[in-house]
Amino acid sequence: MAKGGDARITITLECTSCTLDSSSVDKKSAGVSRYTTRKNRHNTPIRLELKKFCPYCYKHTLHGEIKK
């Protein structure tokens, strides 16, 4: 039988390039790319970072886990 713990949690990944450039006023894009995914907190206790496509930067950038 399976153990009854809540090991998998839903996390939010946010583009690190968009958050760094959000302070500039003359930027073309006005948004921040975010993805949601699930991770096993027992196997991956550290913050997750994945390369995902950012529609505002028009390239694959590093997306890091943020707090909700």
PDB file of N, CA and C in Angstrom:
ATOM      1  N   MET A   1       0.836  -1.178   0.000  1.00  0.00           N
ATOM      2  CA  MET A   1       0.000   0.000   0.000  1.00  0.00           C
ATOM      3  C   MET A   1       0.884   1.245   0.000  1.00  0.00           C
ATOM      4  N   ALA A   2       0.362   2.300  -0.548  1.00  0.00           N
ATOM      5  CA  ALA A   2       1.107   3.548  -0.631  1.00  0.00           C
ATOM      6  C   ALA A   2       1.043   4.297   0.694  1.00  0.00           C
ATOM      7  N   LYS A   3       2.080   5.053   0.956  1.00  0.00           N
ATOM      8  CA  LYS A   3       2.094   5.882   2.158  1.00  0.00           C
ATOM      9  C   LYS A   3       1.170   7.064   1.959  1.00  0.00           C
ATOM     10  N   GLY A   4       0.569   7.569   3.020  1.00  0.00           N
ATOM     11  CA  GLY A   4      -0.441   8.613   2.907  1.00  0.00           C
ATOM     12  C   GLY A   4       0.060  10.023   3.115  1.00  0.00           C
ATOM     13  N   GLY A   5       1.293  10.330   2.728  1.00  0.00           N
ATOM     14  CA  GLY A   5       1.811  11.683   2.913  1.00  0.00           C
ATOM     15  C   GLY A   5       1.601  12.554   1.693  1.00  0.00           C
ATOM     16  N   ASP A   6       1.654  13.841   1.901  1.00  0.00           N
ATOM     17  CA  ASP A   6       1.557  14.777   0.780  1.00  0.00           C
ATOM     18  C   ASP A   6       2.974  15.124   0.336  1.00  0.00           C
ATOM     19  N   ALA A   7       3.570  14.263  -0.466  1.00  0.00           N
ATOM     20  CA  ALA A   7       4.950  14.484  -0.895  1.00  0.00           C
ATOM     21  C   ALA A   7       5.015  15.435  -2.083  1.00  0.00           C
ATOM     22  N   ARG A   8       4.018  15.393  -2.974  1.00  0.00           N
ATOM     23  CA  ARG A   8       4.033  16.232  -4.172  1.00  0.00           C
ATOM     24  C   ARG A   8       3.299  17.541  -3.901  1.00  0.00           C
ATOM     25  N   ILE A   9       3.974  18.639  -4.243  1.00  0.00           N
ATOM     26  CA  ILE A   9       3.391  19.968  -4.052  1.00  0.00           C
ATOM     27  C   ILE A   9       3.417  20.724  -5.384  1.00  0.00           C
ATOM     28  N   THR A  10       2.523  21.684  -5.532  1.00  0.00           N
ATOM     29  CA  THR A  10       2.474  22.521  -6.726  1.00  0.00           C
ATOM     30  C   THR A  10       3.347  23.746  -6.492  1.00  0.00           C
ATOM     31  N   ILE A  11       4.230  24.031  -7.447  1.00  0.00           N
ATOM     32  CA  ILE A  11       5.124  25.175  -7.335  1.00  0.00           C
ATOM     33  C   ILE A  11       4.946  26.087  -8.541  1.00  0.00           C
ATOM     34  N   THR A  12       5.416  27.326  -8.425  1.00  0.00           N
ATOM     35  CA  THR A  12       5.368  28.296  -9.511  1.00  0.00           C
ATOM     36  C   THR A  12       6.787  28.637  -9.930  1.00  0.00           C
ATOM     37  N   LEU A  13       7.039  28.590 -11.236  1.00  0.00           N
ATOM     38  CA  LEU A  13       8.337  28.956 -11.796  1.00  0.00           C
ATOM     39  C   LEU A  13       8.197  30.299 -12.505  1.00  0.00           C
ATOM     40  N   GLU A  14       9.111  31.231 -12.215  1.00  0.00           N
ATOM     41  CA  GLU A  14       9.063  32.575 -12.793  1.00  0.00           C
ATOM     42  C   GLU A  14      10.358  32.866 -13.533  1.00  0.00           C
ATOM     43  N   CYS A  15      10.243  33.567 -14.659  1.00  0.00           N
ATOM     44  CA  CYS A  15      11.404  33.909 -15.477  1.00  0.00           C
ATOM     45  C   CYS A  15      12.346  34.829 -14.700  1.00  0.00           C
ATOM     46  N   THR A  16      13.613  34.466 -14.644  1.00  0.00           N
ATOM     47  CA  THR A  16      14.578  35.283 -13.913  1.00  0.00           C
ATOM     48  C   THR A  16      15.025  36.490 -14.740  1.00  0.00           C
ATOM     49  N   SER A  17      14.987  36.402 -16.065  1.00  0.00           N
ATOM     50  CA  SER A  17      15.378  37.531 -16.904  1.00  0.00           C
ATOM     51  C   SER A  17      14.348  38.648 -16.859  1.00  0.00           C
ATOM     52  N   CYS A  18      13.074  38.308 -16.883  1.00  0.00           N
ATOM     53  CA  CYS A  18      12.008  39.318 -16.854  1.00  0.00           C
ATOM     54  C   CYS A  18      11.952  40.032 -15.512  1.00  0.00           C
ATOM     55  N   THR A  19      12.194  39.315 -14.418  1.00  0.00           N
ATOM     56  CA  THR A  19      12.130  39.949 -13.101  1.00  0.00           C
ATOM     57  C   THR A  19      13.302  40.902 -12.894  1.00  0.00           C
ATOM     58  N   LEU A  20      14.453  40.622 -13.509  1.00  0.00           N
ATOM     59  CA  LEU A  20      15.601  41.516 -13.382  1.00  0.00           C
ATOM     60  C   LEU A  20      15.415  42.768 -14.228  1.00  0.00           C
ATOM     61  N   ASP A  21      14.771  42.626 -15.395  1.00  0.00           N
ATOM     62  CA  ASP A  21      14.606  43.742 -16.320  1.00  0.00           C
ATOM     63  C   ASP A  21      13.316  44.520 -16.105  1.00  0.00           C
ATOM     64  N   SER A  22      12.504  44.161 -15.126  1.00  0.00           N
ATOM     65  CA  SER A  22      11.207  44.808 -14.945  1.00  0.00           C
ATOM     66  C   SER A  22      11.337  46.251 -14.451  1.00  0.00           C
ATOM     67  N   SER A  23      12.513  46.632 -13.952  1.00  0.00           N
ATOM     68  CA  SER A  23      12.688  47.994 -13.460  1.00  0.00           C
ATOM     69  C   SER A  23      12.873  49.008 -14.591  1.00  0.00           C
ATOM     70  N   SER A  24      13.286  48.557 -15.782  1.00  0.00           N
ATOM     71  CA  SER A  24      13.478  49.483 -16.894  1.00  0.00           C
ATOM     72  C   SER A  24      12.138  49.875 -17.504  1.00  0.00           C
ATOM     73  N   VAL A  25      11.953  51.176 -17.743  1.00  0.00           N
ATOM     74  CA  VAL A  25      10.686  51.698 -18.234  1.00  0.00           C
ATOM     75  C   VAL A  25      10.549  51.518 -19.741  1.00  0.00           C
ATOM     76  N   ASP A  26      11.651  51.622 -20.490  1.00  0.00           N
ATOM     77  CA  ASP A  26      11.584  51.572 -21.938  1.00  0.00           C
ATOM     78  C   ASP A  26      11.585  50.147 -22.504  1.00  0.00           C
ATOM     79  N   LYS A  27      11.275  49.151 -21.687  1.00  0.00           N
ATOM     80  CA  LYS A  27      11.244  47.766 -22.138  1.00  0.00           C
ATOM     81  C   LYS A  27      10.016  47.510 -23.005  1.00  0.00           C
ATOM     82  N   LYS A  28      10.169  46.688 -24.017  1.00  0.00           N
ATOM     83  CA  LYS A  28       9.084  46.405 -24.961  1.00  0.00           C
ATOM     84  C   LYS A  28       7.982  45.583 -24.301  1.00  0.00           C
ATOM     85  N   SER A  29       8.331  44.523 -23.585  1.00  0.00           N
ATOM     86  CA  SER A  29       7.328  43.665 -22.958  1.00  0.00           C
ATOM     87  C   SER A  29       6.965  44.180 -21.570  1.00  0.00           C
ATOM     88  N   ALA A  30       5.749  43.912 -21.165  1.00  0.00           N
ATOM     89  CA  ALA A  30       5.275  44.402 -19.867  1.00  0.00           C
ATOM     90  C   ALA A  30       4.770  43.260 -19.001  1.00  0.00           C
ATOM     91  N   GLY A  31       5.373  42.088 -19.110  1.00  0.00           N
ATOM     92  CA  GLY A  31       4.887  40.949 -18.347  1.00  0.00           C
ATOM     93  C   GLY A  31       6.011  40.097 -17.817  1.00  0.00           C
ATOM     94  N   VAL A  32       5.626  39.117 -17.000  1.00  0.00           N
ATOM     95  CA  VAL A  32       6.567  38.165 -16.434  1.00  0.00           C
ATOM     96  C   VAL A  32       6.034  36.774 -16.736  1.00  0.00           C
ATOM     97  N   SER A  33       6.874  35.932 -17.309  1.00  0.00           N
ATOM     98  CA  SER A  33       6.475  34.574 -17.665  1.00  0.00           C
ATOM     99  C   SER A  33       6.446  33.701 -16.423  1.00  0.00           C
ATOM    100  N   ARG A  34       5.337  32.966 -16.228  1.00  0.00           N
ATOM    101  CA  ARG A  34       5.205  32.054 -15.093  1.00  0.00           C
ATOM    102  C   ARG A  34       4.660  30.718 -15.559  1.00  0.00           C
ATOM    103  N   TYR A  35       5.183  29.655 -14.989  1.00  0.00           N
ATOM    104  CA  TYR A  35       4.721  28.295 -15.237  1.00  0.00           C
ATOM    105  C   TYR A  35       4.401  27.654 -13.891  1.00  0.00           C
ATOM    106  N   THR A  36       3.476  26.712 -13.885  1.00  0.00           N
ATOM    107  CA  THR A  36       3.218  25.917 -12.683  1.00  0.00           C
ATOM    108  C   THR A  36       3.563  24.473 -12.979  1.00  0.00           C
ATOM    109  N   THR A  37       4.091  23.788 -11.987  1.00  0.00           N
ATOM    110  CA  THR A  37       4.461  22.389 -12.104  1.00  0.00           C
ATOM    111  C   THR A  37       4.384  21.759 -10.723  1.00  0.00           C
ATOM    112  N   ARG A  38       4.639  20.477 -10.662  1.00  0.00           N
ATOM    113  CA  ARG A  38       4.617  19.768  -9.387  1.00  0.00           C
ATOM    114  C   ARG A  38       5.978  19.144  -9.139  1.00  0.00           C
ATOM    115  N   LYS A  39       6.363  19.076  -7.864  1.00  0.00           N
ATOM    116  CA  LYS A  39       7.620  18.425  -7.510  1.00  0.00           C
ATOM    117  C   LYS A  39       7.429  17.619  -6.237  1.00  0.00           C
ATOM    118  N   ASN A  40       8.280  16.629  -6.067  1.00  0.00           N
ATOM    119  CA  ASN A  40       8.286  15.814  -4.866  1.00  0.00           C
ATOM    120  C   ASN A  40       9.215  16.477  -3.855  1.00  0.00           C
ATOM    121  N   ARG A  41       8.661  16.932  -2.745  1.00  0.00           N
ATOM    122  CA  ARG A  41       9.477  17.681  -1.779  1.00  0.00           C
ATOM    123  C   ARG A  41      10.503  16.817  -1.064  1.00  0.00           C
ATOM    124  N   HIS A  42      10.299  15.502  -1.035  1.00  0.00           N
ATOM    125  CA  HIS A  42      11.269  14.615  -0.382  1.00  0.00           C
ATOM    126  C   HIS A  42      12.485  14.372  -1.277  1.00  0.00           C
ATOM    127  N   ASN A  43      12.265  14.235  -2.587  1.00  0.00           N
ATOM    128  CA  ASN A  43      13.375  13.999  -3.514  1.00  0.00           C
ATOM    129  C   ASN A  43      14.093  15.280  -3.914  1.00  0.00           C
ATOM    130  N   THR A  44      13.391  16.416  -3.919  1.00  0.00           N
ATOM    131  CA  THR A  44      13.961  17.701  -4.342  1.00  0.00           C
ATOM    132  C   THR A  44      13.670  18.763  -3.274  1.00  0.00           C
ATOM    133  N   PRO A  45      14.424  18.782  -2.184  1.00  0.00           N
ATOM    134  CA  PRO A  45      14.152  19.763  -1.136  1.00  0.00           C
ATOM    135  C   PRO A  45      14.621  21.183  -1.471  1.00  0.00           C
ATOM    136  N   ILE A  46      15.563  21.318  -2.430  1.00  0.00           N
ATOM    137  CA  ILE A  46      16.057  22.645  -2.788  1.00  0.00           C
ATOM    138  C   ILE A  46      15.137  23.279  -3.817  1.00  0.00           C
ATOM    139  N   ARG A  47      15.307  24.586  -4.056  1.00  0.00           N
ATOM    140  CA  ARG A  47      14.476  25.294  -5.032  1.00  0.00           C
ATOM    141  C   ARG A  47      14.804  24.810  -6.447  1.00  0.00           C
ATOM    142  N   LEU A  48      13.764  24.592  -7.224  1.00  0.00           N
ATOM    143  CA  LEU A  48      13.886  24.054  -8.567  1.00  0.00           C
ATOM    144  C   LEU A  48      14.134  25.179  -9.569  1.00  0.00           C
ATOM    145  N   GLU A  49      15.024  24.952 -10.544  1.00  0.00           N
ATOM    146  CA  GLU A  49      15.288  25.890 -11.628  1.00  0.00           C
ATOM    147  C   GLU A  49      15.322  25.112 -12.936  1.00  0.00           C
ATOM    148  N   LEU A  50      14.486  25.523 -13.900  1.00  0.00           N
ATOM    149  CA  LEU A  50      14.404  24.859 -15.193  1.00  0.00           C
ATOM    150  C   LEU A  50      14.496  25.884 -16.317  1.00  0.00           C
ATOM    151  N   LYS A  51      15.012  25.446 -17.472  1.00  0.00           N
ATOM    152  CA  LYS A  51      15.012  26.316 -18.650  1.00  0.00           C
ATOM    153  C   LYS A  51      13.693  26.122 -19.366  1.00  0.00           C
ATOM    154  N   LYS A  52      12.915  27.199 -19.473  1.00  0.00           N
ATOM    155  CA  LYS A  52      11.614  27.173 -20.136  1.00  0.00           C
ATOM    156  C   LYS A  52      11.560  28.328 -21.131  1.00  0.00           C
ATOM    157  N   PHE A  53      10.597  28.281 -22.050  1.00  0.00           N
ATOM    158  CA  PHE A  53      10.447  29.347 -23.032  1.00  0.00           C
ATOM    159  C   PHE A  53       9.697  30.523 -22.416  1.00  0.00           C
ATOM    160  N   CYS A  54      10.229  31.720 -22.588  1.00  0.00           N
ATOM    161  CA  CYS A  54       9.591  32.947 -22.101  1.00  0.00           C
ATOM    162  C   CYS A  54       9.024  33.691 -23.309  1.00  0.00           C
ATOM    163  N   PRO A  55       7.699  33.860 -23.383  1.00  0.00           N
ATOM    164  CA  PRO A  55       7.116  34.560 -24.530  1.00  0.00           C
ATOM    165  C   PRO A  55       7.418  36.060 -24.540  1.00  0.00           C
ATOM    166  N   TYR A  56       7.846  36.623 -23.429  1.00  0.00           N
ATOM    167  CA  TYR A  56       8.172  38.046 -23.365  1.00  0.00           C
ATOM    168  C   TYR A  56       9.608  38.309 -23.799  1.00  0.00           C
ATOM    169  N   CYS A  57      10.515  37.379 -23.504  1.00  0.00           N
ATOM    170  CA  CYS A  57      11.914  37.504 -23.938  1.00  0.00           C
ATOM    171  C   CYS A  57      12.138  36.883 -25.312  1.00  0.00           C
ATOM    172  N   TYR A  58      11.199  36.055 -25.771  1.00  0.00           N
ATOM    173  CA  TYR A  58      11.277  35.322 -27.038  1.00  0.00           C
ATOM    174  C   TYR A  58      12.497  34.398 -27.104  1.00  0.00           C
ATOM    175  N   LYS A  59      12.815  33.750 -25.982  1.00  0.00           N
ATOM    176  CA  LYS A  59      13.901  32.772 -25.955  1.00  0.00           C
ATOM    177  C   LYS A  59      13.748  31.890 -24.716  1.00  0.00           C
ATOM    178  N   HIS A  60      14.534  30.825 -24.660  1.00  0.00           N
ATOM    179  CA  HIS A  60      14.539  29.943 -23.505  1.00  0.00           C
ATOM    180  C   HIS A  60      15.410  30.574 -22.417  1.00  0.00           C
ATOM    181  N   THR A  61      14.823  30.769 -21.247  1.00  0.00           N
ATOM    182  CA  THR A  61      15.548  31.383 -20.135  1.00  0.00           C
ATOM    183  C   THR A  61      15.381  30.526 -18.892  1.00  0.00           C
ATOM    184  N   LEU A  62      16.139  30.833 -17.871  1.00  0.00           N
ATOM    185  CA  LEU A  62      16.078  30.117 -16.612  1.00  0.00           C
ATOM    186  C   LEU A  62      14.865  30.592 -15.817  1.00  0.00           C
ATOM    187  N   HIS A  63      14.026  29.659 -15.388  1.00  0.00           N
ATOM    188  CA  HIS A  63      12.857  29.950 -14.566  1.00  0.00           C
ATOM    189  C   HIS A  63      13.097  29.335 -13.199  1.00  0.00           C
ATOM    190  N   GLY A  64      12.998  30.144 -12.161  1.00  0.00           N
ATOM    191  CA  GLY A  64      13.245  29.677 -10.806  1.00  0.00           C
ATOM    192  C   GLY A  64      11.967  29.605  -9.979  1.00  0.00           C
ATOM    193  N   GLU A  65      11.992  28.767  -8.965  1.00  0.00           N
ATOM    194  CA  GLU A  65      10.839  28.573  -8.087  1.00  0.00           C
ATOM    195  C   GLU A  65      10.651  29.799  -7.195  1.00  0.00           C
ATOM    196  N   ILE A  66       9.404  30.239  -7.052  1.00  0.00           N
ATOM    197  CA  ILE A  66       9.088  31.382  -6.196  1.00  0.00           C
ATOM    198  C   ILE A  66       8.081  30.957  -5.147  1.00  0.00           C
ATOM    199  N   LYS A  67       7.954  31.764  -4.110  1.00  0.00           N
ATOM    200  CA  LYS A  67       6.940  31.527  -3.085  1.00  0.00           C
ATOM    201  C   LYS A  67       5.595  32.006  -3.584  1.00  0.00           C
ATOM    202  N   LYS A  68       4.550  31.356  -3.140  1.00  0.00           N
ATOM    203  CA  LYS A  68       3.202  31.770  -3.514  1.00  0.00           C
ATOM    204  C   LYS A  68       2.680  32.812  -2.580  1.00  0.00           C
TER     205      LYS A  68
END
